[in-house]
Amino acid sequence: MKNVLILLLLLSQGISAQLLKKDSLQTYNKTLTPGEMKADLQTFLGIRKGANSGLYRYRTTQQIDSIYKWAFKEVKKPMTTLEFFHLILQLTDFEGSCHNYTEPGEELVAYLNRQQAFFPYALKYIEGKMIFNTVGAAIPVGSEILRINDVPAQQLMQSFYKYCTTDGFNITQKQSNSVDRSYGIRYLYEYGVSDSFKIAYQAPGTTLTQMITVPAITNDQRNDMFNKRFSAPVDSITDWRVQASYSFKMLNPNTGLFNFRIFNMADDDKDPRFPGYVKYIDSVFQLLSNNNVPNLIIDLRGNPGGSDPNFEQPVMYLTDSNFKENAVAYSIIGKDIPYEQCFWGISTSHKMDSVEKVEGKKFLLDYFPALINGKNMQHPKYNPVYHPKSPGYKGKLYMLVDENVASAGSHMASLVKSYARNVTVVGVETTGGYYYHNGHMAMVYELPHSKIKSKFSIVHVEQDALVKPDQPEGRGIIPDYTVWPTFADFLQSRDTQMEFVLKLINK
């Protein structure tokens, strides 16, 4: 009997060891052969050339050929999936589109998300530095983080730039997001799994470098901690996950504030929610007109985008000009989806079935009816002319933008800067482009060997934006007054950009 028990114990230990070995980073972060990576790269390049209308918008053919030549040289030796993922990230970032997104296979992502390996504190990008942003920890709020696990702060920030894709060449979102949004799973993608973190920092007002080693936490613990970060009260003002999609209030008898956090209030003009939204917009401008309100602030900060014709509605009350959403819009896809065997869908979280693909192709064919000379022009019915509405706002307009304004959010900002009466733009250059973006329709492809998924938008959009001397090609909406949050205001939980606008108004 004793021998039987020993045998069962050994068998149980052996099974447990096999299960632990199976559920390991090595299992999911498998080593790829040069042949597998070369095949994935060739497929990836073919997909970009066949479906991505923005591939050569900011890069010449020679530049694209050059970076792929570099990539093929890099894969002559075996790599882990995450190492190859880093390479793919650099290729997608190089294209210059804020709609580009890439992630590893779902099993690898799930494995990392269930590890107790997450950085236990929130950080904040302030004045070019990594600032400690967690209340009640051993490190004081406002401390400057110098190194994490012996990697210097500037090197850490630069390593996360490739995860933060932007339109054209601007880097404002790369700067802030390399700190604010990179210490969740991105850190694990980039630096692997660790059970502790060695942090070097300087407390506010000192030059003494101090060291502390802290244990890693779970993803759920990190999410809970992040929601309670020191800057949450100010951050939440512009957070579309917290605030209503749109809202209006009078700050005082002379100044109104119209917030647009995200343009998801209706899917399109057929959505039953759309008439109510249009009515609300009209009621606000009626109120402004009836009370002769001299100042209006439109706050677009943090707006990641959404659907048209939502963002065009307020613009019609701000201009004397007709305008369109697009000057030009086209895809480079005909009736067939390029590399359909690798096509996943329109979201990385859901793979399209055959029925959904058929419906999707019908929609594409209606939107882009004929591929001629390499361009499939948008059907005119999807690009109507918008006319000025009454009562038009004739007072002084201030528009607040920041580095997280993208897609439909930056498209509205572009229209306002182009066509609005008497407008002053305050804040930080948007990640979405002023003249151009690739948008409207997303496609997701999965590479056959690495299982890496790449998402990009297929429609080349030249926005109806007037050429302006302060708006160079390949940049976001550039403010008249560039205002970043300050360290002093961070410590006092003050909204630097809003206070700047109110001071302008008071002057």
Protein backbone atom coordinates (compact mmCIF):
# COMPACT_ATOMS: atom_id res chain seq x y z
CA MET A 1 0.00 0.00 0.00
CA LYS A 2 2.84 2.32 0.91
CA ASN A 3 4.51 1.71 -2.47
CA VAL A 4 1.25 2.46 -4.26
CA LEU A 5 0.94 5.81 -2.45
CA ILE A 6 4.52 6.71 -3.31
CA LEU A 7 3.87 5.81 -6.96
CA LEU A 8 0.72 7.96 -7.04
CA LEU A 9 2.58 10.85 -5.46
CA LEU A 10 5.39 10.65 -8.00
CA LEU A 11 2.88 10.38 -10.83
CA SER A 12 1.00 13.42 -9.51
CA GLN A 13 4.22 15.42 -9.25
CA GLY A 14 5.14 14.42 -12.78
CA ILE A 15 1.77 15.52 -14.16
CA SER A 16 2.01 18.83 -12.25
CA ALA A 17 5.50 19.43 -13.64
CA GLN A 18 4.25 18.76 -17.17
CA LEU A 19 1.33 21.15 -16.70
CA LEU A 20 3.63 23.87 -15.34
CA LYS A 21 5.97 23.36 -18.26
CA LYS A 22 3.07 23.57 -20.69
CA ASP A 23 1.70 26.77 -19.12
CA SER A 24 4.92 28.73 -19.40
CA LEU A 25 6.15 31.74 -21.34
CA GLN A 26 8.32 29.45 -23.44
CA THR A 27 5.22 27.52 -24.55
CA TYR A 28 3.40 30.59 -25.88
CA ASN A 29 6.40 32.74 -26.79
CA LYS A 30 7.68 30.07 -29.13
CA THR A 31 10.90 30.35 -31.09
CA LEU A 32 10.32 31.06 -34.77
CA THR A 33 12.65 29.79 -37.47
CA PRO A 34 14.13 32.13 -40.10
CA GLY A 35 11.95 30.40 -42.70
CA GLU A 36 8.76 31.00 -40.72
CA MET A 37 9.57 34.66 -40.13
CA LYS A 38 10.59 35.22 -43.75
CA ALA A 39 7.28 33.73 -44.90
CA ASP A 40 5.34 35.93 -42.43
CA LEU A 41 7.26 39.03 -43.56
CA GLN A 42 6.55 38.31 -47.21
CA THR A 43 2.86 37.84 -46.39
CA PHE A 44 2.84 40.99 -44.27
CA LEU A 45 4.40 43.10 -47.04
CA GLY A 46 1.98 41.65 -49.60
CA ILE A 47 -0.98 42.55 -47.37
CA ARG A 48 0.26 46.12 -46.91
CA LYS A 49 0.82 46.61 -50.65
CA GLY A 50 -2.50 45.00 -51.55
CA ALA A 51 -4.80 46.60 -48.97
CA ASN A 52 -3.15 49.55 -47.21
CA SER A 53 -3.83 52.73 -49.21
CA GLY A 54 -1.65 54.74 -46.81
CA LEU A 55 1.54 52.70 -47.17
CA TYR A 56 3.26 55.34 -49.31
CA ARG A 57 1.58 58.45 -47.93
CA TYR A 58 4.47 59.59 -45.75
CA ARG A 59 7.17 57.21 -47.01
CA THR A 60 8.59 56.83 -50.49
CA THR A 61 8.79 53.48 -52.26
CA GLN A 62 12.54 53.54 -51.63
CA GLN A 63 12.03 54.10 -47.88
CA ILE A 64 9.51 51.27 -47.57
CA ASP A 65 11.78 48.96 -49.58
CA SER A 66 14.69 49.93 -47.34
CA ILE A 67 12.99 49.16 -44.03
CA TYR A 68 11.76 45.79 -45.32
CA LYS A 69 15.25 44.98 -46.56
CA TRP A 70 16.45 45.65 -43.01
CA ALA A 71 13.64 43.46 -41.58
CA PHE A 72 14.51 40.50 -43.80
CA LYS A 73 18.14 40.76 -42.68
CA GLU A 74 17.05 40.74 -39.03
CA VAL A 75 15.26 37.38 -39.34
CA LYS A 76 18.24 35.34 -40.51
CA LYS A 77 18.55 33.89 -37.00
CA PRO A 78 15.77 32.34 -34.86
CA MET A 79 13.71 34.74 -32.75
CA THR A 80 11.05 34.40 -30.11
CA THR A 81 7.54 35.47 -31.09
CA LEU A 82 7.85 38.63 -28.97
CA GLU A 83 11.17 39.56 -30.59
CA PHE A 84 9.55 39.18 -34.01
CA PHE A 85 6.56 41.15 -32.72
CA HIS A 86 8.92 44.04 -31.87
CA LEU A 87 10.13 44.01 -35.47
CA ILE A 88 6.57 44.08 -36.87
CA LEU A 89 5.78 46.99 -34.54
CA GLN A 90 8.60 49.01 -36.06
CA LEU A 91 7.28 48.35 -39.57
CA THR A 92 3.73 49.45 -38.69
CA ASP A 93 4.92 52.51 -36.77
CA PHE A 94 7.07 53.58 -39.73
CA GLU A 95 3.98 53.91 -41.95
CA GLY A 96 2.62 56.89 -39.98
CA SER A 97 -1.01 56.07 -39.16
CA CYS A 98 -2.64 56.37 -35.75
CA HIS A 99 -5.10 53.65 -36.81
CA ASN A 100 -2.35 51.02 -36.99
CA TYR A 101 -2.44 48.49 -34.16
CA THR A 102 -0.56 45.22 -33.67
CA GLU A 103 -0.73 42.52 -31.00
CA PRO A 104 0.69 39.01 -30.45
CA GLY A 105 -1.41 35.85 -30.65
CA GLU A 106 -4.28 35.57 -28.19
CA GLU A 107 -2.80 32.66 -26.22
CA LEU A 108 0.40 34.60 -25.53
CA VAL A 109 -1.59 37.71 -24.55
CA ALA A 110 -3.79 35.63 -22.23
CA TYR A 111 -0.76 34.01 -20.59
CA LEU A 112 0.88 37.38 -19.89
CA ASN A 113 -2.36 38.87 -18.56
CA ARG A 114 -2.71 36.15 -15.94
CA GLN A 115 0.83 36.50 -14.56
CA GLN A 116 1.73 38.26 -11.32
CA ALA A 117 4.31 40.30 -13.19
CA PHE A 118 2.81 43.78 -13.56
CA PHE A 119 4.42 47.05 -12.51
CA PRO A 120 2.75 48.06 -9.23
CA TYR A 121 2.60 51.85 -9.64
CA ALA A 122 1.13 54.51 -11.92
CA LEU A 123 3.47 56.95 -13.65
CA LYS A 124 2.80 60.26 -15.40
CA TYR A 125 4.61 62.11 -18.20
CA ILE A 126 5.26 65.63 -16.94
CA GLU A 127 7.72 68.09 -18.50
CA GLY A 128 9.61 65.32 -20.29
CA LYS A 129 10.08 63.17 -17.19
CA MET A 130 8.62 60.01 -15.64
CA ILE A 131 6.80 61.20 -12.52
CA PHE A 132 5.54 58.94 -9.72
CA ASN A 133 1.73 59.05 -9.61
CA THR A 134 0.58 56.68 -6.84
CA VAL A 135 -0.78 57.75 -3.45
CA GLY A 136 0.27 55.99 -0.24
CA ALA A 137 3.35 54.21 -1.57
CA ALA A 138 6.88 54.28 -0.16
CA ILE A 139 7.87 56.59 -3.03
CA PRO A 140 6.47 60.14 -2.63
CA VAL A 141 4.04 61.44 -5.24
CA GLY A 142 5.87 63.69 -7.68
CA SER A 143 9.19 61.83 -7.46
CA GLU A 144 11.15 61.55 -10.68
CA ILE A 145 11.73 57.94 -11.77
CA LEU A 146 15.32 57.59 -13.00
CA ARG A 147 15.60 53.85 -13.72
CA ILE A 148 13.50 50.69 -13.58
CA ASN A 149 15.38 47.37 -13.41
CA ASP A 150 18.56 49.27 -14.36
CA VAL A 151 17.06 50.68 -17.60
CA PRO A 152 17.31 54.53 -17.67
CA ALA A 153 14.09 56.53 -17.94
CA GLN A 154 14.80 58.01 -21.38
CA GLN A 155 15.66 54.56 -22.77
CA LEU A 156 12.44 53.16 -21.31
CA MET A 157 10.37 55.91 -22.94
CA GLN A 158 12.03 55.51 -26.33
CA SER A 159 11.47 51.75 -26.26
CA PHE A 160 7.70 52.27 -26.11
CA TYR A 161 7.47 54.77 -28.99
CA LYS A 162 6.87 51.98 -31.54
CA TYR A 163 3.69 50.95 -29.69
CA CYS A 164 2.19 54.46 -30.02
CA THR A 165 1.38 54.90 -33.71
CA THR A 166 0.62 58.44 -34.90
CA ASP A 167 -0.43 60.14 -38.13
CA GLY A 168 2.58 61.38 -40.07
CA PHE A 169 5.63 62.43 -38.12
CA ASN A 170 4.36 63.99 -34.89
CA ILE A 171 5.52 62.50 -31.59
CA THR A 172 3.38 64.17 -28.91
CA GLN A 173 1.35 61.06 -28.11
CA LYS A 174 4.47 58.92 -28.22
CA GLN A 175 5.98 61.15 -25.54
CA SER A 176 3.12 61.02 -23.05
CA ASN A 177 1.89 57.49 -23.77
CA SER A 178 5.40 56.08 -23.39
CA VAL A 179 4.88 56.78 -19.68
CA ASP A 180 1.14 57.10 -19.01
CA ARG A 181 0.03 53.94 -20.86
CA SER A 182 3.06 51.69 -21.12
CA TYR A 183 3.37 50.02 -17.73
CA GLY A 184 0.63 47.47 -18.19
CA ILE A 185 1.04 44.64 -20.68
CA ARG A 186 3.27 46.74 -22.97
CA TYR A 187 6.03 46.50 -20.38
CA LEU A 188 5.70 42.70 -20.41
CA TYR A 189 5.79 42.67 -24.22
CA GLU A 190 8.96 44.72 -24.21
CA TYR A 191 10.88 43.50 -21.13
CA GLY A 192 9.37 40.13 -20.29
CA VAL A 193 8.01 38.70 -17.06
CA SER A 194 9.55 39.79 -13.76
CA ASP A 195 8.55 39.09 -10.16
CA SER A 196 9.96 42.37 -8.81
CA PHE A 197 11.02 45.85 -9.88
CA LYS A 198 14.10 47.76 -8.75
CA ILE A 199 13.31 51.49 -8.94
CA ALA A 200 15.73 54.41 -8.71
CA TYR A 201 14.10 57.78 -7.98
CA GLN A 202 14.57 61.29 -6.67
CA ALA A 203 11.96 62.69 -4.29
CA PRO A 204 10.57 66.18 -5.09
CA GLY A 205 12.96 68.96 -4.16
CA THR A 206 15.99 66.68 -3.70
CA THR A 207 18.95 65.52 -5.79
CA LEU A 208 19.54 62.37 -3.73
CA THR A 209 18.99 59.15 -5.70
CA GLN A 210 17.17 56.50 -3.68
CA MET A 211 16.53 52.84 -4.46
CA ILE A 212 13.64 50.53 -3.68
CA THR A 213 12.72 47.01 -4.80
CA VAL A 214 9.02 46.15 -4.88
CA PRO A 215 7.11 42.95 -5.80
CA ALA A 216 5.10 42.65 -9.01
CA ILE A 217 1.30 42.50 -8.86
CA THR A 218 -1.52 40.96 -10.91
CA ASN A 219 -3.25 42.75 -13.77
CA ASP A 220 -6.46 43.10 -11.71
CA GLN A 221 -4.49 44.66 -8.85
CA ARG A 222 -2.82 47.04 -11.30
CA ASN A 223 -6.17 48.11 -12.79
CA ASP A 224 -7.51 48.80 -9.30
CA MET A 225 -4.39 50.76 -8.37
CA PHE A 226 -4.42 52.71 -11.64
CA ASN A 227 -8.01 53.86 -11.10
CA LYS A 228 -6.91 55.38 -7.77
CA ARG A 229 -3.81 57.18 -9.11
CA PHE A 230 -3.03 60.64 -7.79
CA SER A 231 -3.84 62.40 -11.10
CA ALA A 232 -7.18 60.60 -11.58
CA PRO A 233 -9.37 63.63 -10.66
CA VAL A 234 -7.77 65.76 -13.40
CA ASP A 235 -7.29 62.90 -15.87
CA SER A 236 -10.95 61.94 -15.59
CA ILE A 237 -12.06 65.35 -16.90
CA THR A 238 -10.98 64.32 -20.41
CA ASP A 239 -11.52 60.55 -20.12
CA TRP A 240 -14.24 59.26 -22.48
CA ARG A 241 -14.52 56.11 -20.36
CA VAL A 242 -15.63 58.23 -17.40
CA GLN A 243 -17.46 61.22 -18.89
CA ALA A 244 -20.55 61.50 -21.07
CA SER A 245 -19.93 61.45 -24.82
CA TYR A 246 -20.98 65.10 -25.02
CA SER A 247 -22.12 67.74 -22.55
CA PHE A 248 -22.56 71.47 -22.18
CA LYS A 249 -22.57 73.89 -19.26
CA MET A 250 -22.17 77.59 -18.64
CA LEU A 251 -19.01 78.27 -16.65
CA ASN A 252 -20.25 81.81 -16.01
CA PRO A 253 -22.61 84.22 -17.80
CA ASN A 254 -19.88 85.06 -20.35
CA THR A 255 -18.45 81.61 -21.12
CA GLY A 256 -19.93 78.30 -22.26
CA LEU A 257 -18.12 74.97 -22.27
CA PHE A 258 -19.02 72.28 -24.82
CA ASN A 259 -17.31 68.92 -24.22
CA PHE A 260 -16.97 66.24 -26.89
CA ARG A 261 -15.27 63.23 -25.30
CA ILE A 262 -15.95 60.66 -28.04
CA PHE A 263 -18.11 60.63 -31.19
CA ASN A 264 -20.04 57.44 -30.41
CA MET A 265 -23.41 59.12 -29.79
CA ALA A 266 -24.79 57.53 -32.97
CA ASP A 267 -23.54 54.96 -35.47
CA ASP A 268 -24.76 57.01 -38.45
CA ASP A 269 -27.62 59.33 -39.45
CA LYS A 270 -30.01 56.33 -39.57
CA ASP A 271 -29.36 55.56 -35.90
CA PRO A 272 -32.47 56.41 -33.78
CA ARG A 273 -30.15 58.23 -31.36
CA PHE A 274 -28.99 60.68 -34.02
CA PRO A 275 -32.01 63.06 -34.10
CA GLY A 276 -31.80 63.56 -30.34
CA TYR A 277 -28.11 64.41 -30.60
CA VAL A 278 -28.78 66.90 -33.44
CA LYS A 279 -31.57 68.49 -31.39
CA TYR A 280 -29.26 68.85 -28.39
CA ILE A 281 -26.57 70.54 -30.49
CA ASP A 282 -29.15 73.00 -31.84
CA SER A 283 -30.48 73.77 -28.34
CA VAL A 284 -26.99 74.69 -27.15
CA PHE A 285 -26.40 77.13 -29.98
CA GLN A 286 -29.89 78.58 -29.48
CA LEU A 287 -28.99 79.20 -25.83
CA LEU A 288 -25.66 80.82 -26.78
CA SER A 289 -27.41 83.07 -29.30
CA ASN A 290 -30.32 84.05 -27.06
CA ASN A 291 -27.94 85.07 -24.28
CA ASN A 292 -25.30 86.66 -26.50
CA VAL A 293 -22.60 84.59 -24.82
CA PRO A 294 -19.28 86.13 -25.93
CA ASN A 295 -16.98 83.14 -25.28
CA LEU A 296 -17.31 79.46 -26.12
CA ILE A 297 -14.83 76.71 -25.26
CA ILE A 298 -15.00 73.47 -27.24
CA ASP A 299 -13.03 70.81 -25.39
CA LEU A 300 -11.94 67.90 -27.59
CA ARG A 301 -9.13 66.65 -25.34
CA GLY A 302 -8.82 62.89 -25.10
CA ASN A 303 -11.30 62.34 -27.96
CA PRO A 304 -10.20 59.13 -29.76
CA GLY A 305 -12.71 59.47 -32.62
CA GLY A 306 -15.93 57.73 -33.58
CA SER A 307 -18.48 57.92 -36.38
CA ASP A 308 -19.60 60.52 -38.87
CA PRO A 309 -21.79 62.52 -39.24
CA ASN A 310 -21.51 63.15 -35.48
CA PHE A 311 -18.45 65.36 -35.56
CA GLU A 312 -19.68 67.56 -38.41
CA GLN A 313 -22.83 68.68 -36.53
CA PRO A 314 -21.32 71.35 -34.23
CA VAL A 315 -19.02 72.64 -37.00
CA MET A 316 -22.04 73.81 -39.04
CA TYR A 317 -22.84 76.39 -36.31
CA LEU A 318 -19.26 77.71 -36.26
CA THR A 319 -18.69 78.60 -39.91
CA ASP A 320 -19.95 80.67 -42.82
CA SER A 321 -18.62 78.14 -45.35
CA ASN A 322 -19.86 74.94 -46.86
CA PHE A 323 -17.59 71.97 -46.21
CA LYS A 324 -17.28 68.23 -46.75
CA GLU A 325 -15.91 65.49 -44.63
CA ASN A 326 -13.39 64.53 -47.32
CA ALA A 327 -11.85 66.26 -50.30
CA VAL A 328 -10.87 62.78 -51.55
CA ALA A 329 -11.38 59.28 -50.17
CA TYR A 330 -10.50 55.95 -51.79
CA SER A 331 -9.36 52.40 -51.13
CA ILE A 332 -7.07 50.24 -53.27
CA ILE A 333 -9.24 47.12 -52.88
CA GLY A 334 -11.54 45.78 -55.59
CA LYS A 335 -14.20 43.09 -55.23
CA ASP A 336 -11.85 40.60 -53.58
CA ILE A 337 -10.08 40.93 -50.23
CA PRO A 338 -6.30 40.62 -50.70
CA TYR A 339 -4.76 37.66 -48.87
CA GLU A 340 -8.21 36.55 -47.76
CA GLN A 341 -6.73 33.36 -46.28
CA CYS A 342 -5.07 35.56 -43.61
CA PHE A 343 -8.00 37.96 -43.15
CA TRP A 344 -9.33 37.89 -39.59
CA GLY A 345 -12.06 40.54 -39.46
CA ILE A 346 -12.47 44.14 -38.31
CA SER A 347 -11.60 43.58 -34.64
CA THR A 348 -8.76 41.62 -33.06
CA SER A 349 -11.22 40.20 -30.52
CA HIS A 350 -13.63 38.61 -33.04
CA LYS A 351 -12.90 36.50 -36.11
CA MET A 352 -15.40 37.00 -38.92
CA ASP A 353 -17.39 33.98 -40.08
CA SER A 354 -18.34 33.33 -43.71
CA VAL A 355 -21.74 35.06 -43.41
CA GLU A 356 -20.17 38.20 -41.93
CA LYS A 357 -17.58 38.25 -44.71
CA VAL A 358 -20.28 38.18 -47.38
CA GLU A 359 -22.11 41.10 -45.75
CA GLY A 360 -18.85 42.98 -45.31
CA LYS A 361 -18.00 42.62 -48.99
CA LYS A 362 -21.44 43.94 -49.96
CA PHE A 363 -20.89 47.00 -47.78
CA LEU A 364 -17.42 47.58 -49.26
CA LEU A 365 -18.75 47.30 -52.81
CA ASP A 366 -21.47 49.84 -52.06
CA TYR A 367 -18.99 52.25 -50.47
CA PHE A 368 -16.25 51.72 -53.07
CA PRO A 369 -17.95 50.51 -56.28
CA ALA A 370 -15.16 50.34 -58.89
CA LEU A 371 -11.37 49.93 -58.83
CA ILE A 372 -9.98 52.08 -61.65
CA ASN A 373 -6.25 52.69 -62.19
CA GLY A 374 -5.45 51.41 -58.71
CA LYS A 375 -7.99 53.60 -56.88
CA ASN A 376 -11.51 52.75 -55.76
CA MET A 377 -13.13 56.13 -55.16
CA GLN A 378 -15.70 56.63 -52.41
CA HIS A 379 -19.31 56.76 -53.66
CA PRO A 380 -20.39 60.44 -53.57
CA LYS A 381 -23.44 59.64 -51.45
CA TYR A 382 -21.12 58.98 -48.51
CA ASN A 383 -19.53 62.44 -48.74
CA PRO A 384 -22.32 65.03 -48.59
CA VAL A 385 -21.89 68.79 -48.43
CA TYR A 386 -22.53 70.34 -45.01
CA HIS A 387 -24.00 73.87 -44.91
CA PRO A 388 -23.82 76.55 -42.22
CA LYS A 389 -26.65 76.43 -39.68
CA SER A 390 -28.44 79.13 -37.71
CA PRO A 391 -28.01 80.49 -35.20
CA GLY A 392 -24.32 80.55 -36.01
CA TYR A 393 -22.00 81.30 -33.11
CA LYS A 394 -20.36 84.71 -33.68
CA GLY A 395 -18.44 85.12 -30.43
CA LYS A 396 -14.86 84.19 -29.56
CA LEU A 397 -14.22 80.45 -29.92
CA TYR A 398 -11.52 78.54 -28.04
CA MET A 399 -10.75 74.93 -28.96
CA LEU A 400 -8.87 72.69 -26.53
CA VAL A 401 -6.92 69.75 -28.00
CA ASP A 402 -4.26 67.38 -26.74
CA GLU A 403 -2.01 64.57 -27.93
CA ASN A 404 -4.75 61.94 -27.50
CA VAL A 405 -7.15 63.54 -29.99
CA ALA A 406 -7.36 61.20 -33.00
CA SER A 407 -9.45 60.02 -35.94
CA ALA A 408 -12.88 61.73 -35.95
CA GLY A 409 -11.75 63.88 -32.99
CA SER A 410 -8.80 65.34 -34.90
CA HIS A 411 -10.92 65.48 -38.07
CA MET A 412 -13.36 67.82 -36.31
CA ALA A 413 -10.44 69.86 -34.97
CA SER A 414 -9.11 70.15 -38.52
CA LEU A 415 -12.47 71.41 -39.80
CA VAL A 416 -12.78 73.90 -36.93
CA LYS A 417 -9.29 75.27 -37.48
CA SER A 418 -9.99 75.50 -41.22
CA TYR A 419 -13.47 77.01 -41.25
CA ALA A 420 -14.57 78.34 -37.86
CA ARG A 421 -15.00 82.02 -37.17
CA ASN A 422 -12.60 83.69 -34.74
CA VAL A 423 -11.02 80.51 -33.29
CA THR A 424 -8.00 80.12 -31.01
CA VAL A 425 -6.55 76.62 -30.53
CA VAL A 426 -4.94 75.76 -27.20
CA GLY A 427 -3.22 72.61 -25.92
CA VAL A 428 -0.94 70.00 -27.50
CA GLU A 429 -0.58 68.89 -31.12
CA THR A 430 -3.03 66.07 -31.87
CA THR A 431 -1.93 62.59 -32.86
CA GLY A 432 -4.52 62.67 -35.68
CA GLY A 433 -3.48 64.49 -38.86
CA TYR A 434 -4.60 67.94 -40.00
CA TYR A 435 -4.59 67.29 -43.77
CA TYR A 436 -4.83 63.53 -44.04
CA HIS A 437 -5.42 60.20 -42.34
CA ASN A 438 -6.05 56.57 -43.18
CA GLY A 439 -9.37 55.74 -41.59
CA HIS A 440 -13.04 54.79 -41.88
CA MET A 441 -12.72 51.01 -42.26
CA ALA A 442 -10.50 48.69 -40.26
CA MET A 443 -9.12 45.36 -41.40
CA VAL A 444 -7.32 42.80 -39.25
CA TYR A 445 -4.96 40.16 -40.61
CA GLU A 446 -3.30 37.27 -38.75
CA LEU A 447 0.16 36.12 -39.84
CA PRO A 448 0.17 32.33 -40.33
CA HIS A 449 3.30 31.31 -38.38
CA SER A 450 3.69 33.90 -35.60
CA LYS A 451 -0.10 34.42 -35.14
CA ILE A 452 0.58 38.15 -34.79
CA LYS A 453 -2.48 40.24 -35.65
CA SER A 454 -2.17 43.57 -37.45
CA LYS A 455 -5.02 46.06 -37.71
CA PHE A 456 -5.06 49.04 -40.06
CA SER A 457 -7.61 51.27 -41.78
CA ILE A 458 -7.90 50.92 -45.53
CA VAL A 459 -9.35 54.28 -46.66
CA HIS A 460 -7.05 57.04 -47.87
CA VAL A 461 -8.73 60.23 -46.61
CA GLU A 462 -7.70 63.71 -47.71
CA GLN A 463 -9.59 65.93 -45.32
CA ASP A 464 -11.37 69.10 -46.40
CA ALA A 465 -8.69 71.18 -44.72
CA LEU A 466 -7.48 74.59 -45.85
CA VAL A 467 -3.74 74.97 -46.33
CA LYS A 468 -2.33 77.07 -43.51
CA PRO A 469 1.25 78.33 -42.99
CA ASP A 470 1.46 76.92 -39.46
CA GLN A 471 0.29 73.47 -40.59
CA PRO A 472 3.14 71.55 -42.27
CA GLU A 473 2.50 68.26 -44.03
CA GLY A 474 2.47 65.18 -41.85
CA ARG A 475 1.53 66.87 -38.60
CA GLY A 476 -1.47 66.99 -36.29
CA ILE A 477 -3.56 70.06 -35.49
CA ILE A 478 -0.98 72.50 -34.14
CA PRO A 479 -2.27 74.89 -31.44
CA ASP A 480 -1.91 78.65 -31.47
CA TYR A 481 -0.75 78.23 -27.87
CA THR A 482 1.10 75.00 -27.04
CA VAL A 483 0.35 74.18 -23.41
CA TRP A 484 1.44 70.98 -21.66
CA PRO A 485 0.44 70.16 -18.07
CA THR A 486 3.02 71.54 -15.62
CA PHE A 487 4.64 69.86 -12.63
CA ALA A 488 3.34 72.53 -10.24
CA ASP A 489 -0.22 72.03 -11.50
CA PHE A 490 0.17 68.24 -11.30
CA LEU A 491 1.00 68.50 -7.58
CA GLN A 492 -1.95 70.86 -7.02
CA SER A 493 -4.38 68.79 -9.15
CA ARG A 494 -5.03 71.73 -11.46
CA ASP A 495 -6.06 71.55 -15.12
CA THR A 496 -3.23 73.56 -16.73
CA GLN A 497 -4.78 73.83 -20.17
CA MET A 498 -8.26 74.87 -19.04
CA GLU A 499 -6.83 77.45 -16.66
CA PHE A 500 -4.73 78.85 -19.52
CA VAL A 501 -7.85 79.31 -21.67
CA LEU A 502 -9.77 80.98 -18.85
CA LYS A 503 -6.87 83.40 -18.37
CA LEU A 504 -6.96 84.20 -22.09
CA ILE A 505 -10.67 84.94 -21.81
CA ASN A 506 -10.18 87.14 -18.75
CA LYS A 507 -7.56 89.16 -20.60
